[in-house]
PDB file of N, CA and C in Angstrom:
ATOM      1  N   MET A   1     -40.025  10.452 108.036  1.00  0.00           N
ATOM      2  CA  MET A   1     -40.326  11.104 106.889  1.00  0.00           C
ATOM      3  C   MET A   1     -41.664  11.403 106.939  1.00  0.00           C
ATOM      4  N   LEU A   2     -42.093  12.996 106.543  1.00  0.00           N
ATOM      5  CA  LEU A   2     -43.622  13.230 106.467  1.00  0.00           C
ATOM      6  C   LEU A   2     -44.510  12.552 105.167  1.00  0.00           C
ATOM      7  N   SER A   3     -45.536  12.445 105.335  1.00  0.00           N
ATOM      8  CA  SER A   3     -46.390  12.079 104.260  1.00  0.00           C
ATOM      9  C   SER A   3     -46.003  12.602 102.933  1.00  0.00           C
ATOM     10  N   ASN A   4     -46.581  12.596 102.001  1.00  0.00           N
ATOM     11  CA  ASN A   4     -46.465  13.660 101.061  1.00  0.00           C
ATOM     12  C   ASN A   4     -47.726  13.979 101.065  1.00  0.00           C
ATOM     13  N   PRO A   5     -49.000  14.112 101.619  1.00  0.00           N
ATOM     14  CA  PRO A   5     -50.018  15.018 101.470  1.00  0.00           C
ATOM     15  C   PRO A   5     -49.801  16.018 102.667  1.00  0.00           C
ATOM     16  N   LEU A   6     -48.761  15.647 103.759  1.00  0.00           N
ATOM     17  CA  LEU A   6     -48.645  16.611 104.699  1.00  0.00           C
ATOM     18  C   LEU A   6     -47.519  17.407 104.442  1.00  0.00           C
ATOM     19  N   MET A   7     -46.516  16.797 103.402  1.00  0.00           N
ATOM     20  CA  MET A   7     -45.582  17.934 102.758  1.00  0.00           C
ATOM     21  C   MET A   7     -46.197  19.088 101.865  1.00  0.00           C
ATOM     22  N   MET A   8     -47.297  18.172 101.335  1.00  0.00           N
ATOM     23  CA  MET A   8     -47.957  19.399 100.154  1.00  0.00           C
ATOM     24  C   MET A   8     -48.792  20.665 101.281  1.00  0.00           C
ATOM     25  N   MET A   9     -49.397  20.229 102.253  1.00  0.00           N
ATOM     26  CA  MET A   9     -49.848  21.144 103.097  1.00  0.00           C
ATOM     27  C   MET A   9     -48.964  21.959 103.709  1.00  0.00           C
ATOM     28  N   LEU A  10     -47.758  21.412 104.053  1.00  0.00           N
ATOM     29  CA  LEU A  10     -46.819  22.552 104.884  1.00  0.00           C
ATOM     30  C   LEU A  10     -46.310  23.412 103.463  1.00  0.00           C
ATOM     31  N   ALA A  11     -46.053  23.135 102.281  1.00  0.00           N
ATOM     32  CA  ALA A  11     -45.410  23.817 101.136  1.00  0.00           C
ATOM     33  C   ALA A  11     -46.898  24.809 101.164  1.00  0.00           C
ATOM     34  N   LYS A  12     -47.834  24.486 100.751  1.00  0.00           N
ATOM     35  CA  LYS A  12     -49.066  25.591 100.587  1.00  0.00           C
ATOM     36  C   LYS A  12     -49.390  26.597 101.734  1.00  0.00           C
ATOM     37  N   LEU A  13     -48.946  26.048 102.977  1.00  0.00           N
ATOM     38  CA  LEU A  13     -48.907  26.791 104.189  1.00  0.00           C
ATOM     39  C   LEU A  13     -47.812  28.073 103.962  1.00  0.00           C
ATOM     40  N   PHE A  14     -46.660  27.539 103.377  1.00  0.00           N
ATOM     41  CA  PHE A  14     -45.265  28.532 103.707  1.00  0.00           C
ATOM     42  C   PHE A  14     -45.801  29.175 102.307  1.00  0.00           C
ATOM     43  N   SER A  15     -46.126  28.894 101.014  1.00  0.00           N
ATOM     44  CA  SER A  15     -46.844  29.736 100.160  1.00  0.00           C
ATOM     45  C   SER A  15     -47.311  30.916 100.469  1.00  0.00           C
ATOM     46  N   LEU A  16     -47.966  30.595 101.168  1.00  0.00           N
ATOM     47  CA  LEU A  16     -49.047  31.685 101.945  1.00  0.00           C
ATOM     48  C   LEU A  16     -48.436  32.383 102.963  1.00  0.00           C
ATOM     49  N   LEU A  17     -47.506  32.243 103.417  1.00  0.00           N
ATOM     50  CA  LEU A  17     -46.601  33.006 104.416  1.00  0.00           C
ATOM     51  C   LEU A  17     -45.717  33.758 103.701  1.00  0.00           C
ATOM     52  N   ARG A  18     -45.117  33.341 102.848  1.00  0.00           N
ATOM     53  CA  ARG A  18     -44.123  33.948 102.258  1.00  0.00           C
ATOM     54  C   ARG A  18     -44.440  34.879 101.288  1.00  0.00           C
ATOM     55  N   ARG A  19     -46.129  35.072 100.935  1.00  0.00           N
ATOM     56  CA  ARG A  19     -46.144  36.059 100.068  1.00  0.00           C
ATOM     57  C   ARG A  19     -46.706  37.415 100.942  1.00  0.00           C
ATOM     58  N   SER A  20     -47.078  37.112 102.599  1.00  0.00           N
ATOM     59  CA  SER A  20     -47.250  38.236 103.278  1.00  0.00           C
ATOM     60  C   SER A  20     -45.816  38.717 103.851  1.00  0.00           C
ATOM     61  N   SER A  21     -44.489  38.265 103.437  1.00  0.00           N
ATOM     62  CA  SER A  21     -43.574  38.749 104.274  1.00  0.00           C
ATOM     63  C   SER A  21     -42.654  39.336 103.305  1.00  0.00           C
ATOM     64  N   SER A  22     -41.403  40.043 103.529  1.00  0.00           N
ATOM     65  CA  SER A  22     -40.531  40.498 102.935  1.00  0.00           C
ATOM     66  C   SER A  22     -39.139  40.075 102.990  1.00  0.00           C
ATOM     67  N   GLU A  23     -38.832  39.286 104.322  1.00  0.00           N
ATOM     68  CA  GLU A  23     -38.200  38.768 104.801  1.00  0.00           C
ATOM     69  C   GLU A  23     -37.341  37.624 103.526  1.00  0.00           C
ATOM     70  N   SER A  24     -36.115  37.623 103.641  1.00  0.00           N
ATOM     71  CA  SER A  24     -35.399  36.465 103.039  1.00  0.00           C
ATOM     72  C   SER A  24     -35.727  35.382 102.497  1.00  0.00           C
ATOM     73  N   ARG A  25     -35.670  34.677 101.379  1.00  0.00           N
ATOM     74  CA  ARG A  25     -36.334  33.513 100.916  1.00  0.00           C
ATOM     75  C   ARG A  25     -35.531  32.479 101.483  1.00  0.00           C
ATOM     76  N   GLU A  26     -34.760  32.207 102.146  1.00  0.00           N
ATOM     77  CA  GLU A  26     -33.717  31.040 102.132  1.00  0.00           C
ATOM     78  C   GLU A  26     -34.390  30.227 103.071  1.00  0.00           C
ATOM     79  N   ASP A  27     -35.366  30.290 103.931  1.00  0.00           N
ATOM     80  CA  ASP A  27     -35.658  28.988 104.587  1.00  0.00           C
ATOM     81  C   ASP A  27     -36.427  28.364 103.487  1.00  0.00           C
ATOM     82  N   ALA A  28     -37.181  28.897 102.429  1.00  0.00           N
ATOM     83  CA  ALA A  28     -37.577  28.238 101.266  1.00  0.00           C
ATOM     84  C   ALA A  28     -37.146  26.777 100.866  1.00  0.00           C
ATOM     85  N   LYS A  29     -36.018  26.778 100.833  1.00  0.00           N
ATOM     86  CA  LYS A  29     -35.134  25.382 100.398  1.00  0.00           C
ATOM     87  C   LYS A  29     -35.349  24.424 101.900  1.00  0.00           C
ATOM     88  N   THR A  30     -35.264  24.359 102.782  1.00  0.00           N
ATOM     89  CA  THR A  30     -35.539  24.030 104.152  1.00  0.00           C
ATOM     90  C   THR A  30     -36.899  22.997 103.998  1.00  0.00           C
ATOM     91  N   LEU A  31     -37.895  23.957 103.866  1.00  0.00           N
ATOM     92  CA  LEU A  31     -39.282  23.518 103.816  1.00  0.00           C
ATOM     93  C   LEU A  31     -39.384  22.798 102.298  1.00  0.00           C
ATOM     94  N   SER A  32     -38.745  23.073 101.562  1.00  0.00           N
ATOM     95  CA  SER A  32     -39.235  22.408 100.024  1.00  0.00           C
ATOM     96  C   SER A  32     -38.160  21.420  99.870  1.00  0.00           C
ATOM     97  N   GLU A  33     -37.268  20.816 101.058  1.00  0.00           N
ATOM     98  CA  GLU A  33     -36.706  19.335 100.824  1.00  0.00           C
ATOM     99  C   GLU A  33     -37.596  18.339 100.553  1.00  0.00           C
ATOM    100  N   GLY A  34     -37.118  17.499  99.238  1.00  0.00           N
ATOM    101  CA  GLY A  34     -37.909  16.233  99.257  1.00  0.00           C
ATOM    102  C   GLY A  34     -38.937  16.533  97.920  1.00  0.00           C
ATOM    103  N   TYR A  35     -39.299  17.989  97.788  1.00  0.00           N
ATOM    104  CA  TYR A  35     -39.829  18.314  96.318  1.00  0.00           C
ATOM    105  C   TYR A  35     -39.058  18.201  95.274  1.00  0.00           C
ATOM    106  N   PRO A  36     -39.245  17.814  94.031  1.00  0.00           N
ATOM    107  CA  PRO A  36     -38.326  17.656  92.572  1.00  0.00           C
ATOM    108  C   PRO A  36     -38.147  19.363  92.295  1.00  0.00           C
ATOM    109  N   LEU A  37     -37.468  20.216  93.299  1.00  0.00           N
ATOM    110  CA  LEU A  37     -37.256  21.413  92.630  1.00  0.00           C
ATOM    111  C   LEU A  37     -36.487  21.495  91.802  1.00  0.00           C
ATOM    112  N   GLN A  38     -36.240  22.565  90.898  1.00  0.00           N
ATOM    113  CA  GLN A  38     -35.643  22.775  89.594  1.00  0.00           C
ATOM    114  C   GLN A  38     -34.932  24.312  89.798  1.00  0.00           C
ATOM    115  N   THR A  39     -33.788  24.532  89.275  1.00  0.00           N
ATOM    116  CA  THR A  39     -33.330  26.057  89.288  1.00  0.00           C
ATOM    117  C   THR A  39     -33.067  26.357  87.676  1.00  0.00           C
ATOM    118  N   VAL A  40     -33.142  27.375  87.391  1.00  0.00           N
ATOM    119  CA  VAL A  40     -33.074  27.547  86.188  1.00  0.00           C
ATOM    120  C   VAL A  40     -32.517  29.352  86.424  1.00  0.00           C
ATOM    121  N   SER A  41     -31.684  29.538  85.111  1.00  0.00           N
ATOM    122  CA  SER A  41     -31.004  30.962  85.389  1.00  0.00           C
ATOM    123  C   SER A  41     -31.044  31.628  84.595  1.00  0.00           C
ATOM    124  N   PHE A  42     -31.172  32.972  84.327  1.00  0.00           N
ATOM    125  CA  PHE A  42     -31.374  33.963  82.842  1.00  0.00           C
ATOM    126  C   PHE A  42     -31.098  35.206  83.175  1.00  0.00           C
ATOM    127  N   LYS A  43     -30.693  35.866  81.827  1.00  0.00           N
ATOM    128  CA  LYS A  43     -30.126  36.988  82.061  1.00  0.00           C
ATOM    129  C   LYS A  43     -31.459  38.051  82.029  1.00  0.00           C
ATOM    130  N   VAL A  44     -31.332  39.337  82.682  1.00  0.00           N
ATOM    131  CA  VAL A  44     -32.342  40.307  82.506  1.00  0.00           C
ATOM    132  C   VAL A  44     -31.340  41.495  82.126  1.00  0.00           C
ATOM    133  N   GLU A  45     -31.563  41.699  80.651  1.00  0.00           N
ATOM    134  CA  GLU A  45     -30.339  42.883  80.104  1.00  0.00           C
ATOM    135  C   GLU A  45     -31.018  44.425  80.938  1.00  0.00           C
ATOM    136  N   ASN A  46     -31.960  44.559  80.900  1.00  0.00           N
ATOM    137  CA  ASN A  46     -32.273  46.317  81.485  1.00  0.00           C
ATOM    138  C   ASN A  46     -32.500  46.034  82.999  1.00  0.00           C
ATOM    139  N   MET A  47     -32.041  45.161  83.654  1.00  0.00           N
ATOM    140  CA  MET A  47     -31.812  45.197  85.015  1.00  0.00           C
ATOM    141  C   MET A  47     -31.126  46.392  85.530  1.00  0.00           C
ATOM    142  N   ALA A  48     -31.185  47.600  86.029  1.00  0.00           N
ATOM    143  CA  ALA A  48     -30.148  48.071  86.432  1.00  0.00           C
ATOM    144  C   ALA A  48     -30.214  48.557  88.180  1.00  0.00           C
ATOM    145  N   CYS A  49     -30.870  48.321  89.095  1.00  0.00           N
ATOM    146  CA  CYS A  49     -30.961  49.096  90.631  1.00  0.00           C
ATOM    147  C   CYS A  49     -31.477  47.955  91.017  1.00  0.00           C
ATOM    148  N   GLU A  50     -31.237  48.429  92.224  1.00  0.00           N
ATOM    149  CA  GLU A  50     -32.145  47.712  93.329  1.00  0.00           C
ATOM    150  C   GLU A  50     -33.415  47.808  93.468  1.00  0.00           C
ATOM    151  N   GLY A  51     -34.162  48.260  92.879  1.00  0.00           N
ATOM    152  CA  GLY A  51     -35.560  48.755  92.600  1.00  0.00           C
ATOM    153  C   GLY A  51     -35.900  47.626  91.474  1.00  0.00           C
ATOM    154  N   CYS A  52     -35.305  47.628  90.658  1.00  0.00           N
ATOM    155  CA  CYS A  52     -35.198  46.455  89.574  1.00  0.00           C
ATOM    156  C   CYS A  52     -35.341  45.016  90.152  1.00  0.00           C
ATOM    157  N   ALA A  53     -34.554  44.651  91.103  1.00  0.00           N
ATOM    158  CA  ALA A  53     -34.258  43.620  91.354  1.00  0.00           C
ATOM    159  C   ALA A  53     -35.344  43.147  92.475  1.00  0.00           C
ATOM    160  N   ARG A  54     -35.839  44.511  93.186  1.00  0.00           N
ATOM    161  CA  ARG A  54     -37.238  43.802  94.375  1.00  0.00           C
ATOM    162  C   ARG A  54     -38.022  43.760  93.081  1.00  0.00           C
ATOM    163  N   THR A  55     -38.476  44.559  92.508  1.00  0.00           N
ATOM    164  CA  THR A  55     -39.762  44.073  91.339  1.00  0.00           C
ATOM    165  C   THR A  55     -39.732  42.460  90.825  1.00  0.00           C
ATOM    166  N   ILE A  56     -38.554  42.412  90.059  1.00  0.00           N
ATOM    167  CA  ILE A  56     -38.049  40.876  89.440  1.00  0.00           C
ATOM    168  C   ILE A  56     -38.523  39.903  90.602  1.00  0.00           C
ATOM    169  N   LYS A  57     -38.001  39.989  91.583  1.00  0.00           N
ATOM    170  CA  LYS A  57     -38.585  38.982  92.989  1.00  0.00           C
ATOM    171  C   LYS A  57     -39.723  38.704  92.970  1.00  0.00           C
ATOM    172  N   LYS A  58     -40.263  40.041  92.960  1.00  0.00           N
ATOM    173  CA  LYS A  58     -41.659  40.289  93.429  1.00  0.00           C
ATOM    174  C   LYS A  58     -42.947  39.898  91.891  1.00  0.00           C
ATOM    175  N   ILE A  59     -42.407  39.772  91.124  1.00  0.00           N
ATOM    176  CA  ILE A  59     -43.045  39.305  89.945  1.00  0.00           C
ATOM    177  C   ILE A  59     -42.823  37.666  90.009  1.00  0.00           C
ATOM    178  N   ILE A  60     -41.876  37.205  90.117  1.00  0.00           N
ATOM    179  CA  ILE A  60     -41.218  35.578  90.184  1.00  0.00           C
ATOM    180  C   ILE A  60     -42.297  34.966  91.219  1.00  0.00           C
ATOM    181  N   LEU A  61     -42.050  35.359  92.652  1.00  0.00           N
ATOM    182  CA  LEU A  61     -42.490  34.825  93.587  1.00  0.00           C
ATOM    183  C   LEU A  61     -44.059  34.728  94.052  1.00  0.00           C
ATOM    184  N   GLU A  62     -44.550  35.477  92.784  1.00  0.00           N
ATOM    185  CA  GLU A  62     -45.995  35.704  92.903  1.00  0.00           C
ATOM    186  C   GLU A  62     -46.689  34.150  92.401  1.00  0.00           C
ATOM    187  N   PHE A  63     -46.071  33.556  91.828  1.00  0.00           N
ATOM    188  CA  PHE A  63     -45.981  32.038  91.106  1.00  0.00           C
ATOM    189  C   PHE A  63     -46.100  31.236  92.063  1.00  0.00           C
ATOM    190  N   ASP A  64     -47.199  30.380  92.175  1.00  0.00           N
ATOM    191  CA  ASP A  64     -47.303  29.448  92.605  1.00  0.00           C
ATOM    192  C   ASP A  64     -46.186  28.465  92.468  1.00  0.00           C
ATOM    193  N   GLY A  65     -45.379  27.636  93.192  1.00  0.00           N
ATOM    194  CA  GLY A  65     -44.375  27.086  93.221  1.00  0.00           C
ATOM    195  C   GLY A  65     -43.221  27.455  92.896  1.00  0.00           C
ATOM    196  N   ALA A  66     -42.762  29.165  92.849  1.00  0.00           N
ATOM    197  CA  ALA A  66     -41.631  29.769  92.809  1.00  0.00           C
ATOM    198  C   ALA A  66     -40.959  29.812  94.472  1.00  0.00           C
ATOM    199  N   TYR A  67     -40.143  29.034  94.798  1.00  0.00           N
ATOM    200  CA  TYR A  67     -39.716  29.326  96.329  1.00  0.00           C
ATOM    201  C   TYR A  67     -38.397  30.135  96.551  1.00  0.00           C
ATOM    202  N   GLU A  68     -37.774  30.353  95.616  1.00  0.00           N
ATOM    203  CA  GLU A  68     -36.114  31.038  95.885  1.00  0.00           C
ATOM    204  C   GLU A  68     -35.998  31.873  94.907  1.00  0.00           C
ATOM    205  N   VAL A  69     -35.692  33.244  94.835  1.00  0.00           N
ATOM    206  CA  VAL A  69     -35.298  34.011  93.595  1.00  0.00           C
ATOM    207  C   VAL A  69     -33.880  34.426  94.353  1.00  0.00           C
ATOM    208  N   LYS A  70     -32.856  34.474  93.305  1.00  0.00           N
ATOM    209  CA  LYS A  70     -31.499  35.236  93.655  1.00  0.00           C
ATOM    210  C   LYS A  70     -31.588  36.352  92.492  1.00  0.00           C
ATOM    211  N   VAL A  71     -31.243  37.258  92.904  1.00  0.00           N
ATOM    212  CA  VAL A  71     -30.904  38.510  91.606  1.00  0.00           C
ATOM    213  C   VAL A  71     -29.516  38.840  91.781  1.00  0.00           C
ATOM    214  N   ASP A  72     -28.764  39.097  90.934  1.00  0.00           N
ATOM    215  CA  ASP A  72     -27.374  39.928  91.105  1.00  0.00           C
ATOM    216  C   ASP A  72     -27.395  41.105  89.713  1.00  0.00           C
ATOM    217  N   ILE A  73     -27.313  41.892  90.505  1.00  0.00           N
ATOM    218  CA  ILE A  73     -27.450  43.398  89.623  1.00  0.00           C
ATOM    219  C   ILE A  73     -25.980  43.358  88.814  1.00  0.00           C
ATOM    220  N   LYS A  74     -24.939  43.176  89.493  1.00  0.00           N
ATOM    221  CA  LYS A  74     -23.743  43.304  88.714  1.00  0.00           C
ATOM    222  C   LYS A  74     -23.658  42.435  87.058  1.00  0.00           C
ATOM    223  N   THR A  75     -24.201  41.208  87.439  1.00  0.00           N
ATOM    224  CA  THR A  75     -24.029  40.320  86.259  1.00  0.00           C
ATOM    225  C   THR A  75     -25.397  39.973  85.624  1.00  0.00           C
ATOM    226  N   LYS A  76     -26.651  40.791  86.377  1.00  0.00           N
ATOM    227  CA  LYS A  76     -27.609  40.582  85.556  1.00  0.00           C
ATOM    228  C   LYS A  76     -28.418  39.390  85.207  1.00  0.00           C
ATOM    229  N   LEU A  77     -27.865  38.454  86.439  1.00  0.00           N
ATOM    230  CA  LEU A  77     -28.645  37.135  86.298  1.00  0.00           C
ATOM    231  C   LEU A  77     -29.676  37.004  87.456  1.00  0.00           C
ATOM    232  N   VAL A  78     -30.538  36.349  87.185  1.00  0.00           N
ATOM    233  CA  VAL A  78     -31.722  35.642  88.089  1.00  0.00           C
ATOM    234  C   VAL A  78     -31.775  34.376  87.941  1.00  0.00           C
ATOM    235  N   GLU A  79     -31.485  33.882  89.242  1.00  0.00           N
ATOM    236  CA  GLU A  79     -31.695  32.304  89.487  1.00  0.00           C
ATOM    237  C   GLU A  79     -32.884  32.348  90.263  1.00  0.00           C
ATOM    238  N   VAL A  80     -34.069  31.216  89.637  1.00  0.00           N
ATOM    239  CA  VAL A  80     -35.269  30.971  90.250  1.00  0.00           C
ATOM    240  C   VAL A  80     -35.258  29.214  90.742  1.00  0.00           C
ATOM    241  N   SER A  81     -35.364  28.879  91.895  1.00  0.00           N
ATOM    242  CA  SER A  81     -35.813  27.686  92.281  1.00  0.00           C
ATOM    243  C   SER A  81     -37.278  27.490  92.411  1.00  0.00           C
ATOM    244  N   PHE A  82     -37.999  26.507  91.585  1.00  0.00           N
ATOM    245  CA  PHE A  82     -39.047  26.160  91.646  1.00  0.00           C
ATOM    246  C   PHE A  82     -39.286  24.983  91.689  1.00  0.00           C
ATOM    247  N   ASP A  83     -40.967  24.457  91.542  1.00  0.00           N
ATOM    248  CA  ASP A  83     -41.485  23.011  91.621  1.00  0.00           C
ATOM    249  C   ASP A  83     -41.938  23.226  90.351  1.00  0.00           C
ATOM    250  N   PRO A  84     -41.520  22.391  89.263  1.00  0.00           N
ATOM    251  CA  PRO A  84     -41.997  22.280  87.995  1.00  0.00           C
ATOM    252  C   PRO A  84     -43.089  21.666  87.598  1.00  0.00           C
ATOM    253  N   SER A  85     -44.237  20.999  89.016  1.00  0.00           N
ATOM    254  CA  SER A  85     -45.116  20.512  88.576  1.00  0.00           C
ATOM    255  C   SER A  85     -46.364  21.747  89.096  1.00  0.00           C
ATOM    256  N   LYS A  86     -45.598  22.588  89.546  1.00  0.00           N
ATOM    257  CA  LYS A  86     -47.001  23.799  89.578  1.00  0.00           C
ATOM    258  C   LYS A  86     -46.779  25.422  88.600  1.00  0.00           C
ATOM    259  N   THR A  87     -45.536  25.456  88.010  1.00  0.00           N
ATOM    260  CA  THR A  87     -45.040  25.870  87.082  1.00  0.00           C
ATOM    261  C   THR A  87     -43.882  25.936  86.285  1.00  0.00           C
ATOM    262  N   LYS A  88     -43.810  26.696  85.063  1.00  0.00           N
ATOM    263  CA  LYS A  88     -42.914  26.561  83.970  1.00  0.00           C
ATOM    264  C   LYS A  88     -41.479  27.548  83.909  1.00  0.00           C
ATOM    265  N   ASP A  89     -40.446  27.528  83.851  1.00  0.00           N
ATOM    266  CA  ASP A  89     -39.754  28.818  83.624  1.00  0.00           C
ATOM    267  C   ASP A  89     -39.844  29.576  82.866  1.00  0.00           C
ATOM    268  N   SER A  90     -40.966  29.093  81.796  1.00  0.00           N
ATOM    269  CA  SER A  90     -41.225  30.141  80.401  1.00  0.00           C
ATOM    270  C   SER A  90     -41.888  30.957  80.797  1.00  0.00           C
ATOM    271  N   GLU A  91     -42.521  30.856  82.079  1.00  0.00           N
ATOM    272  CA  GLU A  91     -44.019  31.589  82.581  1.00  0.00           C
ATOM    273  C   GLU A  91     -43.082  32.531  83.392  1.00  0.00           C
ATOM    274  N   PHE A  92     -42.246  32.678  84.024  1.00  0.00           N
ATOM    275  CA  PHE A  92     -41.246  33.549  84.694  1.00  0.00           C
ATOM    276  C   PHE A  92     -40.541  34.497  83.478  1.00  0.00           C
ATOM    277  N   ARG A  93     -40.340  33.901  82.555  1.00  0.00           N
ATOM    278  CA  ARG A  93     -39.837  34.612  81.568  1.00  0.00           C
ATOM    279  C   ARG A  93     -40.729  35.614  80.832  1.00  0.00           C
ATOM    280  N   GLN A  94     -42.057  35.101  80.677  1.00  0.00           N
ATOM    281  CA  GLN A  94     -42.810  35.949  80.066  1.00  0.00           C
ATOM    282  C   GLN A  94     -43.491  36.482  80.847  1.00  0.00           C
ATOM    283  N   ALA A  95     -43.757  36.520  82.222  1.00  0.00           N
ATOM    284  CA  ALA A  95     -44.058  37.465  83.129  1.00  0.00           C
ATOM    285  C   ALA A  95     -43.482  39.081  82.838  1.00  0.00           C
ATOM    286  N   LEU A  96     -41.618  38.526  82.972  1.00  0.00           N
ATOM    287  CA  LEU A  96     -40.985  39.744  83.008  1.00  0.00           C
ATOM    288  C   LEU A  96     -40.827  40.088  81.640  1.00  0.00           C
ATOM    289  N   LEU A  97     -41.138  39.794  80.496  1.00  0.00           N
ATOM    290  CA  LEU A  97     -41.541  40.438  79.340  1.00  0.00           C
ATOM    291  C   LEU A  97     -42.520  41.334  79.412  1.00  0.00           C
ATOM    292  N   ASN A  98     -43.516  40.657  80.096  1.00  0.00           N
ATOM    293  CA  ASN A  98     -44.703  41.655  80.131  1.00  0.00           C
ATOM    294  C   ASN A  98     -44.841  42.678  80.940  1.00  0.00           C
ATOM    295  N   HIS A  99     -43.621  42.923  82.017  1.00  0.00           N
ATOM    296  CA  HIS A  99     -43.378  44.048  82.940  1.00  0.00           C
ATOM    297  C   HIS A  99     -42.305  44.920  82.009  1.00  0.00           C
ATOM    298  N   GLY A 100     -42.183  44.650  81.075  1.00  0.00           N
ATOM    299  CA  GLY A 100     -40.855  45.716  80.153  1.00  0.00           C
ATOM    300  C   GLY A 100     -39.624  45.365  80.332  1.00  0.00           C
ATOM    301  N   TYR A 101     -39.274  44.217  81.020  1.00  0.00           N
ATOM    302  CA  TYR A 101     -37.858  43.637  81.251  1.00  0.00           C
ATOM    303  C   TYR A 101     -37.350  43.081  79.684  1.00  0.00           C
ATOM    304  N   ILE A 102     -36.095  42.924  79.677  1.00  0.00           N
ATOM    305  CA  ILE A 102     -35.664  42.179  78.261  1.00  0.00           C
ATOM    306  C   ILE A 102     -34.891  40.879  78.852  1.00  0.00           C
ATOM    307  N   VAL A 103     -35.525  39.715  78.760  1.00  0.00           N
ATOM    308  CA  VAL A 103     -35.036  38.767  79.004  1.00  0.00           C
ATOM    309  C   VAL A 103     -34.051  37.752  78.339  1.00  0.00           C
ATOM    310  N   ALA A 104     -32.934  37.464  78.705  1.00  0.00           N
ATOM    311  CA  ALA A 104     -32.148  36.459  77.303  1.00  0.00           C
ATOM    312  C   ALA A 104     -31.794  35.357  77.839  1.00  0.00           C
TER     313      ALA A 104
END
């Protein structure tokens, strides 16, 4: 098993890489294993299209500690996996509200 400082360094590196990539965030879970990730789900009432979904993902992934975002346009649900030692789920909600989204 890797030491905690090394894991933190790898997590930081991954965070920097994922911001420059438009590819899927599926690899985030494997790199973050061993971290106390939490998952939160919430509904975004006025999410209507793929453009909204991309924007919501981009807003949330700007937070240090956000590792994966899943968006379902049909159900209007957003699921975020994150490190609670770096950010809070209330910050995601507030950021979406600041961008005009209605978060339930």
